[in-house]
C-alpha atoms as a PDB file:
ATOM      1  CA  MET A   1     -21.042  -2.160  -4.667  1.00  0.00           C
ATOM      2  CA  ASN A   2     -20.343  -0.327  -1.764  1.00  0.00           C
ATOM      3  CA  TRP A   3     -19.459   3.315  -3.041  1.00  0.00           C
ATOM      4  CA  ASN A   4     -18.826   4.718   0.801  1.00  0.00           C
ATOM      5  CA  VAL A   5     -16.083   1.843   0.794  1.00  0.00           C
ATOM      6  CA  PHE A   6     -14.337   2.129  -2.540  1.00  0.00           C
ATOM      7  CA  LEU A   7     -14.358   6.156  -2.446  1.00  0.00           C
ATOM      8  CA  SER A   8     -12.346   5.552   1.188  1.00  0.00           C
ATOM      9  CA  THR A   9     -10.390   2.603  -0.212  1.00  0.00           C
ATOM     10  CA  PHE A  10      -9.452   5.152  -3.085  1.00  0.00           C
ATOM     11  CA  ALA A  11      -8.369   8.165  -0.625  1.00  0.00           C
ATOM     12  CA  ALA A  12      -6.956   6.327   1.472  1.00  0.00           C
ATOM     13  CA  ILE A  13      -4.380   3.719  -0.744  1.00  0.00           C
ATOM     14  CA  PHE A  14      -4.101   7.261  -2.999  1.00  0.00           C
ATOM     15  CA  VAL A  15      -2.597   9.194  -0.593  1.00  0.00           C
ATOM     16  CA  ALA A  16      -0.721   6.906   0.815  1.00  0.00           C
ATOM     17  CA  GLU A  17       1.129   5.954  -1.887  1.00  0.00           C
ATOM     18  CA  LEU A  18       1.767   9.804  -2.692  1.00  0.00           C
ATOM     19  CA  GLY A  19       5.558  10.068  -2.010  1.00  0.00           C
ATOM     20  CA  ASP A  20       6.097   6.925  -1.456  1.00  0.00           C
ATOM     21  CA  LYS A  21       8.946   4.759  -2.300  1.00  0.00           C
ATOM     22  CA  THR A  22       7.047   2.716  -5.119  1.00  0.00           C
ATOM     23  CA  GLN A  23       6.264   6.293  -6.431  1.00  0.00           C
ATOM     24  CA  LEU A  24       9.828   7.451  -6.858  1.00  0.00           C
ATOM     25  CA  ALA A  25      11.043   4.139  -8.129  1.00  0.00           C
ATOM     26  CA  THR A  26       8.516   4.332 -10.880  1.00  0.00           C
ATOM     27  CA  LEU A  27       9.416   8.389 -11.063  1.00  0.00           C
ATOM     28  CA  SER A  28      13.140   6.695 -11.916  1.00  0.00           C
ATOM     29  CA  ALA A  29      11.735   4.447 -14.539  1.00  0.00           C
ATOM     30  CA  ALA A  30       9.966   6.689 -16.245  1.00  0.00           C
ATOM     31  CA  VAL A  31      12.865   9.186 -16.408  1.00  0.00           C
ATOM     32  CA  GLY A  32      15.346   6.918 -17.463  1.00  0.00           C
ATOM     33  CA  GLY A  33      12.725   4.753 -19.814  1.00  0.00           C
ATOM     34  CA  SER A  34      11.820   4.656 -23.464  1.00  0.00           C
ATOM     35  CA  SER A  35       8.472   3.884 -23.104  1.00  0.00           C
ATOM     36  CA  ARG A  36       6.751   5.768 -20.554  1.00  0.00           C
ATOM     37  CA  TRP A  37       3.496   3.440 -21.441  1.00  0.00           C
ATOM     38  CA  ALA A  38       5.024   0.392 -20.653  1.00  0.00           C
ATOM     39  CA  VAL A  39       6.155   1.389 -17.086  1.00  0.00           C
ATOM     40  CA  PHE A  40       2.544   2.958 -16.740  1.00  0.00           C
ATOM     41  CA  LEU A  41       1.112  -0.171 -16.960  1.00  0.00           C
ATOM     42  CA  GLY A  42       4.095  -2.584 -15.601  1.00  0.00           C
ATOM     43  CA  SER A  43       3.660  -0.149 -12.142  1.00  0.00           C
ATOM     44  CA  ALA A  44       0.182  -0.500 -12.572  1.00  0.00           C
ATOM     45  CA  LEU A  45      -0.180  -4.016 -12.911  1.00  0.00           C
ATOM     46  CA  ALA A  46       1.911  -4.457  -9.359  1.00  0.00           C
ATOM     47  CA  LEU A  47       0.057  -2.631  -7.573  1.00  0.00           C
ATOM     48  CA  VAL A  48      -3.164  -4.296  -8.742  1.00  0.00           C
ATOM     49  CA  ALA A  49      -1.302  -7.487  -7.941  1.00  0.00           C
ATOM     50  CA  SER A  50       0.016  -6.481  -4.375  1.00  0.00           C
ATOM     51  CA  SER A  51      -3.612  -5.077  -3.701  1.00  0.00           C
ATOM     52  CA  ALA A  52      -5.034  -8.180  -4.909  1.00  0.00           C
ATOM     53  CA  ILE A  53      -2.642 -10.725  -2.547  1.00  0.00           C
ATOM     54  CA  ALA A  54      -3.167  -8.113   0.676  1.00  0.00           C
ATOM     55  CA  VAL A  55      -7.417  -8.764   0.084  1.00  0.00           C
ATOM     56  CA  VAL A  56      -7.122 -12.134  -0.498  1.00  0.00           C
ATOM     57  CA  ALA A  57      -4.663 -12.481   2.762  1.00  0.00           C
ATOM     58  CA  GLY A  58      -6.981 -10.068   4.439  1.00  0.00           C
ATOM     59  CA  GLU A  59      -9.880 -11.982   3.325  1.00  0.00           C
ATOM     60  CA  SER A  60      -8.648 -15.014   4.835  1.00  0.00           C
ATOM     61  CA  ILE A  61      -7.503 -13.432   7.946  1.00  0.00           C
ATOM     62  CA  ALA A  62     -10.741 -11.746   8.818  1.00  0.00           C
ATOM     63  CA  ARG A  63     -11.970 -15.474   8.985  1.00  0.00           C
ATOM     64  CA  PHE A  64     -10.067 -16.058  12.524  1.00  0.00           C
ATOM     65  CA  VAL A  65      -9.335 -12.552  13.881  1.00  0.00           C
ATOM     66  CA  SER A  66     -11.827  -9.838  14.379  1.00  0.00           C
ATOM     67  CA  PRO A  67     -11.084  -6.433  12.356  1.00  0.00           C
ATOM     68  CA  LEU A  68     -11.237  -4.656  15.453  1.00  0.00           C
ATOM     69  CA  TRP A  69      -8.565  -6.498  16.895  1.00  0.00           C
ATOM     70  CA  LEU A  70      -6.819  -6.284  13.077  1.00  0.00           C
ATOM     71  CA  ARG A  71      -6.743  -2.294  12.839  1.00  0.00           C
ATOM     72  CA  ARG A  72      -5.194  -2.629  17.048  1.00  0.00           C
ATOM     73  CA  ILE A  73      -2.335  -5.086  15.680  1.00  0.00           C
ATOM     74  CA  ALA A  74      -1.928  -2.679  12.672  1.00  0.00           C
ATOM     75  CA  GLY A  75      -1.559   0.447  14.735  1.00  0.00           C
ATOM     76  CA  VAL A  76       0.689  -0.663  17.191  1.00  0.00           C
ATOM     77  CA  ALA A  77       2.873  -2.387  14.291  1.00  0.00           C
ATOM     78  CA  PHE A  78       3.310   1.243  12.398  1.00  0.00           C
ATOM     79  CA  VAL A  79       3.723   3.039  16.192  1.00  0.00           C
ATOM     80  CA  VAL A  80       6.518   0.417  16.814  1.00  0.00           C
ATOM     81  CA  MET A  81       7.577   0.763  13.336  1.00  0.00           C
ATOM     82  CA  GLY A  82       7.902   4.824  13.555  1.00  0.00           C
ATOM     83  CA  GLY A  83       9.902   4.479  17.206  1.00  0.00           C
ATOM     84  CA  LEU A  84      12.569   1.911  15.458  1.00  0.00           C
ATOM     85  CA  PHE A  85      12.836   4.033  12.668  1.00  0.00           C
ATOM     86  CA  LEU A  86      12.894   7.644  14.606  1.00  0.00           C
ATOM     87  CA  LEU A  87      15.728   5.929  17.416  1.00  0.00           C
ATOM     88  CA  ARG A  88      17.698   4.040  15.187  1.00  0.00           C
ATOM     89  CA  PRO A  89      21.428   5.146  14.547  1.00  0.00           C
ATOM     90  CA  ARG A  90      22.143   7.549  11.457  1.00  0.00           C
END
């Protein structure tokens, strides 16, 4: 296993997930739920499943598009989405 990739991926995803809508949804489910372990296991399994889909999709796309262009496309998409959120009417 490449520990550098593992640790950098963990750090990036951990920081990206802090305070996002998924964490807030999990928080609200835990507050109202009677079984916090069920909430934890359900949310953990959902994150694992969505990550697995992303890894498989990324591996498939990387066969046709270079990683450099994927990063560029992702960067442009984030900038465009950020601009749209900033410019949308309230």
